[in-house]
Amino acid sequence: MARRLFTSIERQNLNEFPKEISKEDVITFFTLSEEDLKIIKKRRRPYNQLGFAIQLCNLRYLGFSPDDFSSVPFIVVKHVAKQINISPNHLNNYGKREKTRTEHLIEIQNYLGVRDMSKTDSKNLTQCLIKRAMEHNKPMVLYQKITEQLRKEKIIRPGITILESMIISSRQKAQKEIYTDLNFLLTKELKKFLDEILIPDQELGRSVFSWLRRGEISNTPDAILETIRKLSFLQNSGIHNWDLSNINPNKRKFLSQQARKSTNQILKRINPPRRYPMLLSFLKQSLEDITDELIELYDNCLSTYYARAKRDLKDFQLFISKNTNENLIIFQNIGQIILDSQVSNRKLRETIFKKIPEEALSYAVEKCDEIIRPVEDKAYDFFARRYGQIRRFAPIFLDTLELHSYNSNDPLIKAIKLLKQLNSDEKRDIPEKAPMSFIPNSWLPYMEDKDGYISRKYYELCLL
């Protein structure tokens, strides 16, 4: 394994002063106390005073003193120089004699009460780092954690190579601890199952792992049915019963992502203590992700069908506009005749039929059945044209998910149970006492069929 975690640029940045520092940090870490000024003034030459002061403040701020003083931002040099009444330019002459900087640093360490890292410190810090590595895996996060601990314990930050070695070691040990914590779950049968999902499946035409890893790209009934197949596989495999609470959620998410980015071949080559936690995390996360994906696909599919239904309604309204106008003319003429006081009630029908032939009036009345829409027109009858497509996945969708409500007496949950029972018994008719209070007013005009019974189609679509 490579002994480096950071790139050359990252290593350089970590060994230098930050390129940007806030004004607040300048004031907090680079403002000198009276005690600081006393020890600084013991230096005779101005460049030694400024260099000593910068090293002192750097050790407080960074936890170490960078070798390259040219990386110290001018805002910092100016702020420190002003406090000791020295020109910032004097820093250019500091450290030409390397021994001077070393002697100053030793004196500053004693003054601040900080020390170099001992073997005991290294061992304790590694143990602390293992705990962090159980939660996080990113090298930079672990670097920040260990430097915080070093500063807290007043230990000078060692070189990047040493820290990298500690981080690598802690990650390896954390991985072993995770594997040990999962031993209770990793039976012989489960290990076999995990290994088998990496092997190509004849029916799927690929491995189960590759099948689960790939999400659907459309909102079609076929995509929903395929997602239900995945979810059913995970449920039937008992993955919802796995207890992975021993793994920190952040770590579990990382392991899952690590597995998802890998191929079957790579995962097969990874040693079991790493491979099995990755696959366990991947499958557990897949159960959540595929459940979310299924609900999203279902929601988007119905939304797409309803959007098309509303477009169909607009097209219909444009199509019938001519008939609507013709009927308005006919009924306007009828209204004028009825309102004409010179036409007696006895001659009313005779007068109407003289102006509008009976056949024409009968045809217009028939056309009204096609034209008249509910007052609150939501295009549900056009939505119902997709009922057959929706029925392809709706029954199995309801069977796959276990739905609950905060309301213990929720009529919608009762209606879902009723519909599932009807699907199971292969019955079509909705009982008279079926839950109805969940139905919005806009759906009510559609709820009764031509025989006066509850319409199965509209009841089910409203529920869905």
Protein backbone atom coordinates (compact mmCIF):
# COMPACT_ATOMS: atom_id res chain seq x y z
CA MET A 1 0.00 0.00 0.00
CA ALA A 2 1.23 3.49 -0.87
CA ARG A 3 2.40 5.37 2.20
CA ARG A 4 1.09 8.68 0.96
CA LEU A 5 -2.48 9.90 1.26
CA PHE A 6 -2.01 13.49 0.17
CA THR A 7 -0.94 14.84 -3.20
CA SER A 8 2.24 16.88 -3.58
CA ILE A 9 0.18 20.09 -3.69
CA GLU A 10 -1.78 19.10 -0.58
CA ARG A 11 1.46 18.29 1.27
CA GLN A 12 2.93 21.65 0.29
CA ASN A 13 -0.20 23.50 1.47
CA LEU A 14 -0.23 21.62 4.77
CA ASN A 15 3.41 22.53 5.41
CA GLU A 16 2.95 26.23 4.70
CA PHE A 17 1.03 29.07 6.20
CA PRO A 18 -2.61 29.25 4.91
CA LYS A 19 -2.87 31.41 1.79
CA GLU A 20 -5.77 33.28 3.33
CA ILE A 21 -6.38 34.17 6.96
CA SER A 22 -9.35 36.06 8.34
CA LYS A 23 -8.97 39.36 10.15
CA GLU A 24 -10.53 37.76 13.24
CA ASP A 25 -7.86 35.03 13.29
CA VAL A 26 -5.11 37.61 12.86
CA ILE A 27 -6.35 39.48 15.92
CA THR A 28 -7.00 36.30 17.96
CA PHE A 29 -3.73 34.46 17.30
CA PHE A 30 -1.26 37.20 16.41
CA THR A 31 -1.95 39.79 19.10
CA LEU A 32 0.96 39.78 21.56
CA SER A 33 0.51 39.86 25.35
CA GLU A 34 2.75 41.78 27.75
CA GLU A 35 4.51 38.53 28.65
CA ASP A 36 5.05 37.83 24.93
CA LEU A 37 6.57 41.28 24.41
CA LYS A 38 8.96 40.82 27.34
CA ILE A 39 10.44 37.60 25.94
CA ILE A 40 10.52 39.03 22.39
CA LYS A 41 12.41 42.15 23.51
CA LYS A 42 15.22 39.96 24.86
CA ARG A 43 16.37 39.62 21.23
CA ARG A 44 18.84 42.35 20.35
CA ARG A 45 18.41 42.62 16.62
CA PRO A 46 15.07 43.80 15.10
CA TYR A 47 14.87 40.92 12.56
CA ASN A 48 15.36 38.40 15.36
CA GLN A 49 12.62 40.06 17.39
CA LEU A 50 10.18 39.93 14.45
CA GLY A 51 11.13 36.37 13.46
CA PHE A 52 10.88 35.17 17.06
CA ALA A 53 7.43 36.82 17.41
CA ILE A 54 6.19 35.24 14.14
CA GLN A 55 7.40 31.78 15.23
CA LEU A 56 5.70 32.21 18.61
CA CYS A 57 2.38 33.16 17.03
CA ASN A 58 2.67 30.46 14.34
CA LEU A 59 3.10 27.80 16.98
CA ARG A 60 -0.09 28.95 18.68
CA TYR A 61 -2.03 29.21 15.43
CA LEU A 62 -0.79 26.26 13.34
CA GLY A 63 0.65 23.97 16.00
CA PHE A 64 4.01 24.04 14.20
CA SER A 65 6.37 26.58 12.66
CA PRO A 66 6.65 26.41 8.83
CA ASP A 67 10.16 26.25 7.37
CA ASP A 68 9.31 28.74 4.64
CA PHE A 69 8.70 32.15 6.24
CA SER A 70 7.96 33.64 2.83
CA SER A 71 4.52 31.97 2.99
CA VAL A 72 3.46 34.07 6.00
CA PRO A 73 0.82 36.55 4.70
CA PHE A 74 1.85 40.20 4.83
CA ILE A 75 -1.27 41.08 6.87
CA VAL A 76 0.14 38.88 9.68
CA VAL A 77 3.70 40.25 9.43
CA LYS A 78 2.40 43.84 9.42
CA HIS A 79 0.15 43.22 12.45
CA VAL A 80 2.98 41.65 14.51
CA ALA A 81 5.62 44.19 13.41
CA LYS A 82 3.39 47.09 14.39
CA GLN A 83 3.12 45.80 17.96
CA ILE A 84 6.89 45.73 18.44
CA ASN A 85 7.54 48.95 16.45
CA ILE A 86 9.61 47.26 13.77
CA SER A 87 9.42 47.46 9.98
CA PRO A 88 7.85 44.31 8.37
CA ASN A 89 10.81 44.23 5.94
CA HIS A 90 13.13 43.03 8.75
CA LEU A 91 11.64 39.53 8.36
CA ASN A 92 13.68 39.08 5.15
CA ASN A 93 16.87 38.94 7.22
CA TYR A 94 15.58 36.43 9.78
CA GLY A 95 16.84 32.85 9.87
CA LYS A 96 19.89 33.22 7.68
CA ARG A 97 21.65 31.36 10.46
CA GLU A 98 19.55 28.16 10.76
CA LYS A 99 20.74 27.51 14.29
CA THR A 100 19.13 30.77 15.41
CA ARG A 101 15.66 29.66 14.30
CA THR A 102 16.11 26.26 15.97
CA GLU A 103 17.26 27.84 19.25
CA HIS A 104 14.35 30.30 19.12
CA LEU A 105 11.87 27.47 18.50
CA ILE A 106 13.14 25.48 21.50
CA GLU A 107 12.83 28.58 23.70
CA ILE A 108 9.31 29.24 22.40
CA GLN A 109 8.29 25.63 23.06
CA ASN A 110 9.41 25.96 26.67
CA TYR A 111 7.68 29.33 26.99
CA LEU A 112 4.35 28.00 25.61
CA GLY A 113 4.61 24.67 27.40
CA VAL A 114 4.42 22.60 24.22
CA ARG A 115 6.44 19.50 23.46
CA ASP A 116 7.46 17.16 20.66
CA MET A 117 5.41 14.02 20.16
CA SER A 118 6.65 11.01 22.12
CA LYS A 119 6.06 7.32 21.38
CA THR A 120 3.39 7.26 24.09
CA ASP A 121 1.74 10.32 22.56
CA SER A 122 1.82 8.64 19.13
CA LYS A 123 0.18 5.49 20.51
CA ASN A 124 -2.55 7.44 22.32
CA LEU A 125 -3.21 9.67 19.32
CA THR A 126 -3.48 6.63 17.04
CA GLN A 127 -6.11 5.15 19.37
CA CYS A 128 -7.99 8.45 19.26
CA LEU A 129 -7.65 8.45 15.48
CA ILE A 130 -9.02 4.91 15.20
CA LYS A 131 -12.24 6.09 16.86
CA ARG A 132 -12.47 8.92 14.32
CA ALA A 133 -11.68 6.52 11.48
CA MET A 134 -14.67 4.44 12.59
CA GLU A 135 -16.78 7.49 11.72
CA HIS A 136 -14.93 9.10 8.81
CA ASN A 137 -12.63 7.78 6.12
CA LYS A 138 -11.47 10.89 4.26
CA PRO A 139 -7.76 11.55 4.92
CA MET A 140 -8.23 15.31 5.20
CA VAL A 141 -11.00 14.91 7.79
CA LEU A 142 -8.77 12.62 9.84
CA TYR A 143 -5.85 15.03 9.44
CA GLN A 144 -7.97 17.85 10.84
CA LYS A 145 -9.09 15.66 13.73
CA ILE A 146 -5.54 14.70 14.71
CA THR A 147 -4.19 18.27 14.43
CA GLU A 148 -7.02 19.47 16.67
CA GLN A 149 -6.03 16.83 19.24
CA LEU A 150 -2.35 17.75 18.95
CA ARG A 151 -3.15 21.39 19.60
CA LYS A 152 -5.40 20.47 22.52
CA GLU A 153 -2.64 18.41 24.15
CA LYS A 154 0.03 21.02 23.38
CA ILE A 155 2.05 18.73 21.14
CA ILE A 156 3.93 20.14 18.16
CA ARG A 157 2.60 18.80 14.90
CA PRO A 158 5.10 16.32 13.43
CA GLY A 159 5.89 16.03 9.72
CA ILE A 160 3.22 15.15 7.16
CA THR A 161 4.79 11.74 6.44
CA ILE A 162 4.45 10.74 10.10
CA LEU A 163 0.83 11.90 10.20
CA GLU A 164 0.05 10.05 6.96
CA SER A 165 1.45 6.87 8.46
CA MET A 166 -0.70 7.32 11.57
CA ILE A 167 -3.82 7.94 9.49
CA ILE A 168 -3.16 4.89 7.28
CA SER A 169 -2.60 2.71 10.34
CA SER A 170 -5.73 4.00 12.07
CA ARG A 171 -7.86 3.38 8.96
CA GLN A 172 -6.58 -0.19 8.71
CA LYS A 173 -7.23 -0.86 12.38
CA ALA A 174 -10.68 0.75 12.17
CA GLN A 175 -11.49 -1.56 9.27
CA LYS A 176 -10.48 -4.59 11.33
CA GLU A 177 -12.60 -3.38 14.26
CA ILE A 178 -15.62 -2.95 12.00
CA TYR A 179 -15.16 -6.47 10.67
CA THR A 180 -14.84 -7.80 14.23
CA ASP A 181 -18.01 -5.94 15.28
CA LEU A 182 -19.90 -7.58 12.40
CA ASN A 183 -18.73 -11.11 13.16
CA PHE A 184 -22.03 -11.91 14.92
CA LEU A 185 -23.84 -11.23 11.63
CA LEU A 186 -21.36 -12.75 9.19
CA THR A 187 -22.41 -16.38 9.29
CA LYS A 188 -21.12 -18.89 6.76
CA GLU A 189 -24.42 -18.65 4.86
CA LEU A 190 -24.34 -14.85 4.75
CA LYS A 191 -20.74 -14.78 3.50
CA LYS A 192 -21.77 -17.20 0.74
CA PHE A 193 -24.71 -14.96 -0.16
CA LEU A 194 -22.46 -11.87 -0.31
CA ASP A 195 -19.96 -13.68 -2.53
CA GLU A 196 -22.71 -14.94 -4.83
CA ILE A 197 -24.13 -11.50 -5.59
CA LEU A 198 -20.81 -10.75 -7.33
CA ILE A 199 -21.16 -13.73 -9.68
CA PRO A 200 -23.01 -13.27 -13.03
CA ASP A 201 -26.61 -14.49 -12.82
CA GLN A 202 -27.95 -16.37 -15.85
CA GLU A 203 -31.50 -14.99 -15.53
CA LEU A 204 -30.39 -11.39 -15.02
CA GLY A 205 -27.58 -11.54 -17.56
CA ARG A 206 -25.29 -9.85 -15.02
CA SER A 207 -24.48 -10.07 -11.33
CA VAL A 208 -27.04 -9.17 -8.67
CA PHE A 209 -24.61 -6.51 -7.46
CA SER A 210 -24.53 -4.82 -10.90
CA TRP A 211 -28.32 -5.13 -11.19
CA LEU A 212 -28.92 -3.45 -7.83
CA ARG A 213 -26.32 -0.77 -8.48
CA ARG A 214 -28.01 0.45 -11.65
CA GLY A 215 -30.96 2.82 -11.20
CA GLU A 216 -33.89 3.20 -13.57
CA ILE A 217 -33.85 6.08 -16.07
CA SER A 218 -37.58 6.37 -16.91
CA ASN A 219 -40.92 6.63 -15.10
CA THR A 220 -42.64 3.84 -17.02
CA PRO A 221 -44.62 0.90 -15.59
CA ASP A 222 -41.77 -1.40 -16.71
CA ALA A 223 -39.24 0.68 -14.73
CA ILE A 224 -41.49 0.57 -11.65
CA LEU A 225 -41.94 -3.21 -11.96
CA GLU A 226 -38.17 -3.70 -12.29
CA THR A 227 -37.58 -1.55 -9.19
CA ILE A 228 -40.18 -3.59 -7.31
CA ARG A 229 -38.27 -6.75 -8.31
CA LYS A 230 -35.12 -5.29 -6.77
CA LEU A 231 -36.89 -4.26 -3.59
CA SER A 232 -38.58 -7.65 -3.30
CA PHE A 233 -35.20 -9.37 -3.68
CA LEU A 234 -33.74 -7.28 -0.85
CA GLN A 235 -36.79 -7.85 1.36
CA ASN A 236 -36.84 -11.60 0.71
CA SER A 237 -33.12 -11.74 1.52
CA GLY A 238 -33.91 -10.40 5.01
CA ILE A 239 -31.71 -7.32 4.64
CA HIS A 240 -34.18 -5.19 6.61
CA ASN A 241 -33.39 -7.42 9.62
CA TRP A 242 -29.63 -6.80 9.50
CA ASP A 243 -28.37 -4.84 12.47
CA LEU A 244 -25.52 -2.60 11.29
CA SER A 245 -25.82 -0.16 14.18
CA ASN A 246 -22.23 -1.04 15.16
CA ILE A 247 -21.06 0.90 12.11
CA ASN A 248 -21.26 4.67 12.35
CA PRO A 249 -23.82 6.01 9.79
CA ASN A 250 -21.18 8.19 8.12
CA LYS A 251 -18.83 5.24 7.82
CA ARG A 252 -21.60 2.99 6.54
CA LYS A 253 -22.48 5.51 3.87
CA PHE A 254 -18.83 5.76 2.85
CA LEU A 255 -18.46 1.97 2.64
CA SER A 256 -21.63 1.78 0.55
CA GLN A 257 -20.37 4.44 -1.84
CA GLN A 258 -17.00 2.70 -2.02
CA ALA A 259 -18.72 -0.55 -3.03
CA ARG A 260 -21.01 1.20 -5.53
CA LYS A 261 -17.99 2.74 -7.30
CA SER A 262 -16.25 -0.64 -7.54
CA THR A 263 -16.69 -3.39 -10.11
CA ASN A 264 -17.38 -7.07 -9.41
CA GLN A 265 -13.76 -7.89 -10.25
CA ILE A 266 -12.34 -5.29 -7.87
CA LEU A 267 -14.61 -6.38 -5.02
CA LYS A 268 -13.65 -10.03 -5.50
CA ARG A 269 -9.98 -9.10 -5.11
CA ILE A 270 -10.51 -7.11 -1.91
CA ASN A 271 -9.79 -9.14 1.23
CA PRO A 272 -12.87 -10.31 3.23
CA PRO A 273 -12.40 -7.94 6.24
CA ARG A 274 -12.86 -5.04 3.81
CA ARG A 275 -15.18 -6.66 1.23
CA TYR A 276 -17.91 -7.94 3.54
CA PRO A 277 -18.50 -4.65 5.46
CA MET A 278 -18.61 -2.85 2.09
CA LEU A 279 -21.21 -5.26 0.67
CA LEU A 280 -23.28 -5.28 3.86
CA SER A 281 -23.35 -1.48 3.85
CA PHE A 282 -24.13 -1.38 0.12
CA LEU A 283 -27.09 -3.75 0.43
CA LYS A 284 -28.47 -2.02 3.53
CA GLN A 285 -28.18 1.37 1.81
CA SER A 286 -29.67 -0.09 -1.38
CA LEU A 287 -32.77 -1.13 0.58
CA GLU A 288 -33.31 2.51 1.55
CA ASP A 289 -32.31 3.96 -1.81
CA ILE A 290 -34.42 1.58 -3.90
CA THR A 291 -37.43 2.18 -1.63
CA ASP A 292 -37.02 5.91 -2.20
CA GLU A 293 -36.49 5.34 -5.92
CA LEU A 294 -39.67 3.24 -6.16
CA ILE A 295 -41.77 5.91 -4.45
CA GLU A 296 -40.27 8.60 -6.69
CA LEU A 297 -40.88 6.56 -9.86
CA TYR A 298 -44.47 5.90 -8.78
CA ASP A 299 -45.05 9.57 -8.01
CA ASN A 300 -43.47 10.74 -11.27
CA CYS A 301 -45.36 8.16 -13.33
CA LEU A 302 -48.75 9.25 -11.98
CA SER A 303 -47.74 12.91 -12.30
CA THR A 304 -46.76 12.34 -15.94
CA TYR A 305 -50.05 10.58 -16.72
CA TYR A 306 -52.02 13.34 -15.04
CA ALA A 307 -50.10 16.05 -16.92
CA ARG A 308 -50.99 14.26 -20.17
CA ALA A 309 -54.63 14.04 -19.05
CA LYS A 310 -54.75 17.81 -18.59
CA ARG A 311 -53.25 18.29 -22.05
CA ASP A 312 -55.88 15.89 -23.43
CA LEU A 313 -58.58 18.01 -21.80
CA LYS A 314 -57.24 21.16 -23.44
CA ASP A 315 -57.16 19.42 -26.82
CA PHE A 316 -60.73 18.23 -26.24
CA GLN A 317 -61.88 21.73 -25.35
CA LEU A 318 -60.39 23.05 -28.60
CA PHE A 319 -62.01 20.22 -30.56
CA ILE A 320 -65.52 20.81 -29.16
CA SER A 321 -65.39 24.59 -29.37
CA LYS A 322 -67.27 24.54 -32.72
CA ASN A 323 -70.05 22.28 -31.34
CA THR A 324 -70.25 24.41 -28.21
CA ASN A 325 -70.80 27.53 -30.27
CA GLU A 326 -73.47 25.86 -32.42
CA ASN A 327 -75.33 24.61 -29.34
CA LEU A 328 -75.16 28.06 -27.75
CA ILE A 329 -76.83 29.54 -30.83
CA ILE A 330 -79.58 26.88 -30.69
CA PHE A 331 -80.29 27.37 -26.98
CA GLN A 332 -80.07 31.14 -27.34
CA ASN A 333 -82.87 30.96 -29.95
CA ILE A 334 -84.91 28.70 -27.66
CA GLY A 335 -84.41 31.13 -24.77
CA GLN A 336 -85.54 34.08 -26.87
CA ILE A 337 -88.72 32.22 -27.91
CA ILE A 338 -89.49 31.21 -24.32
CA LEU A 339 -88.97 34.77 -23.11
CA ASP A 340 -91.14 36.24 -25.89
CA SER A 341 -94.41 37.16 -24.14
CA GLN A 342 -96.28 37.14 -27.49
CA VAL A 343 -95.74 33.38 -27.79
CA SER A 344 -98.38 31.58 -25.72
CA ASN A 345 -97.56 28.53 -23.65
CA ARG A 346 -99.82 26.43 -25.86
CA LYS A 347 -97.85 27.33 -28.99
CA LEU A 348 -94.41 27.27 -27.36
CA ARG A 349 -93.25 23.87 -28.67
CA GLU A 350 -94.76 24.53 -32.09
CA THR A 351 -92.93 27.87 -32.33
CA ILE A 352 -89.60 26.36 -31.21
CA PHE A 353 -89.78 23.54 -33.74
CA LYS A 354 -90.60 25.96 -36.52
CA LYS A 355 -87.32 27.79 -35.90
CA ILE A 356 -85.28 24.74 -34.80
CA PRO A 357 -86.12 21.35 -36.28
CA GLU A 358 -86.79 18.69 -33.65
CA GLU A 359 -84.00 16.48 -35.04
CA ALA A 360 -81.50 19.34 -34.73
CA LEU A 361 -82.55 20.02 -31.13
CA SER A 362 -82.35 16.32 -30.21
CA TYR A 363 -78.83 16.14 -31.70
CA ALA A 364 -77.78 19.26 -29.78
CA VAL A 365 -79.05 17.76 -26.50
CA GLU A 366 -77.08 14.57 -27.18
CA LYS A 367 -73.95 16.63 -27.85
CA CYS A 368 -74.39 18.34 -24.47
CA ASP A 369 -73.61 15.02 -22.77
CA GLU A 370 -70.21 15.11 -24.44
CA ILE A 371 -69.58 18.80 -23.85
CA ILE A 372 -70.78 19.30 -20.26
CA ARG A 373 -67.90 18.97 -17.78
CA PRO A 374 -67.83 19.05 -13.96
CA VAL A 375 -67.77 22.55 -12.46
CA GLU A 376 -64.34 21.81 -10.93
CA ASP A 377 -62.88 20.15 -14.01
CA LYS A 378 -59.69 18.20 -13.14
CA ALA A 379 -59.53 15.98 -16.26
CA TYR A 380 -59.95 12.82 -14.18
CA ASP A 381 -61.84 11.04 -16.97
CA PHE A 382 -58.84 11.60 -19.26
CA PHE A 383 -56.55 10.43 -16.47
CA ALA A 384 -58.70 7.27 -16.24
CA ARG A 385 -57.72 6.39 -19.81
CA ARG A 386 -54.35 5.29 -18.33
CA TYR A 387 -56.05 3.01 -15.79
CA GLY A 388 -54.91 -0.14 -17.59
CA GLN A 389 -51.27 1.01 -17.59
CA ILE A 390 -51.45 2.00 -13.92
CA ARG A 391 -53.00 -1.36 -13.00
CA ARG A 392 -49.89 -3.07 -14.37
CA PHE A 393 -47.91 -1.98 -11.31
CA ALA A 394 -50.37 -0.58 -8.75
CA PRO A 395 -51.42 -3.86 -7.04
CA ILE A 396 -47.86 -5.15 -6.61
CA PHE A 397 -46.70 -1.66 -5.57
CA LEU A 398 -49.21 -1.66 -2.69
CA ASP A 399 -48.23 -5.21 -1.72
CA THR A 400 -44.49 -4.43 -1.72
CA LEU A 401 -44.61 -1.40 0.58
CA GLU A 402 -45.97 -1.44 4.09
CA LEU A 403 -47.75 1.88 4.49
CA HIS A 404 -48.58 3.52 7.81
CA SER A 405 -50.19 6.71 9.09
CA TYR A 406 -49.80 8.84 12.19
CA ASN A 407 -53.60 8.74 12.40
CA SER A 408 -54.62 5.39 13.89
CA ASN A 409 -58.04 5.66 12.21
CA ASP A 410 -56.90 6.96 8.82
CA PRO A 411 -59.58 6.29 6.16
CA LEU A 412 -56.93 6.23 3.44
CA ILE A 413 -55.09 3.36 5.13
CA LYS A 414 -58.41 1.53 5.50
CA ALA A 415 -59.11 2.06 1.80
CA ILE A 416 -55.64 0.72 0.89
CA LYS A 417 -56.26 -2.42 2.97
CA LEU A 418 -59.63 -2.84 1.28
CA LEU A 419 -58.13 -2.47 -2.20
CA LYS A 420 -55.34 -4.94 -1.39
CA GLN A 421 -57.95 -7.43 -0.18
CA LEU A 422 -60.02 -6.98 -3.34
CA ASN A 423 -56.88 -7.53 -5.44
CA SER A 424 -56.01 -10.64 -3.43
CA ASP A 425 -59.55 -12.08 -3.72
CA GLU A 426 -59.77 -11.04 -7.39
CA LYS A 427 -63.00 -9.17 -6.67
CA ARG A 428 -63.98 -6.12 -8.68
CA ASP A 429 -66.88 -4.41 -6.89
CA ILE A 430 -66.27 -1.78 -4.23
CA PRO A 431 -68.50 -2.43 -1.17
CA GLU A 432 -71.15 0.16 -0.32
CA LYS A 433 -69.53 0.82 3.07
CA ALA A 434 -66.06 1.41 1.63
CA PRO A 435 -64.13 4.33 3.23
CA MET A 436 -65.02 7.52 1.33
CA SER A 437 -64.00 10.44 3.55
CA PHE A 438 -60.52 10.63 2.01
CA ILE A 439 -62.00 11.47 -1.40
CA PRO A 440 -61.69 15.19 -2.35
CA ASN A 441 -64.77 17.00 -3.68
CA SER A 442 -63.28 17.25 -7.16
CA TRP A 443 -63.40 13.43 -7.47
CA LEU A 444 -66.98 12.97 -6.24
CA PRO A 445 -68.72 13.52 -9.64
CA TYR A 446 -66.84 10.45 -10.95
CA MET A 447 -67.40 8.12 -8.01
CA GLU A 448 -70.78 6.73 -9.11
CA ASP A 449 -71.03 4.50 -12.17
CA LYS A 450 -74.03 4.34 -14.54
CA ASP A 451 -75.72 1.70 -12.33
CA GLY A 452 -75.41 3.81 -9.18
CA TYR A 453 -72.57 1.81 -7.61
CA ILE A 454 -69.13 3.06 -6.52
CA SER A 455 -66.89 3.11 -9.57
CA ARG A 456 -63.92 0.77 -9.02
CA LYS A 457 -61.82 2.60 -11.58
CA TYR A 458 -62.23 6.09 -10.12
CA TYR A 459 -62.15 4.91 -6.50
CA GLU A 460 -58.83 3.16 -7.12
CA LEU A 461 -57.32 6.03 -9.12
CA CYS A 462 -58.32 8.55 -6.45
CA LEU A 463 -56.79 6.35 -3.76
CA LEU A 464 -53.56 5.91 -5.74
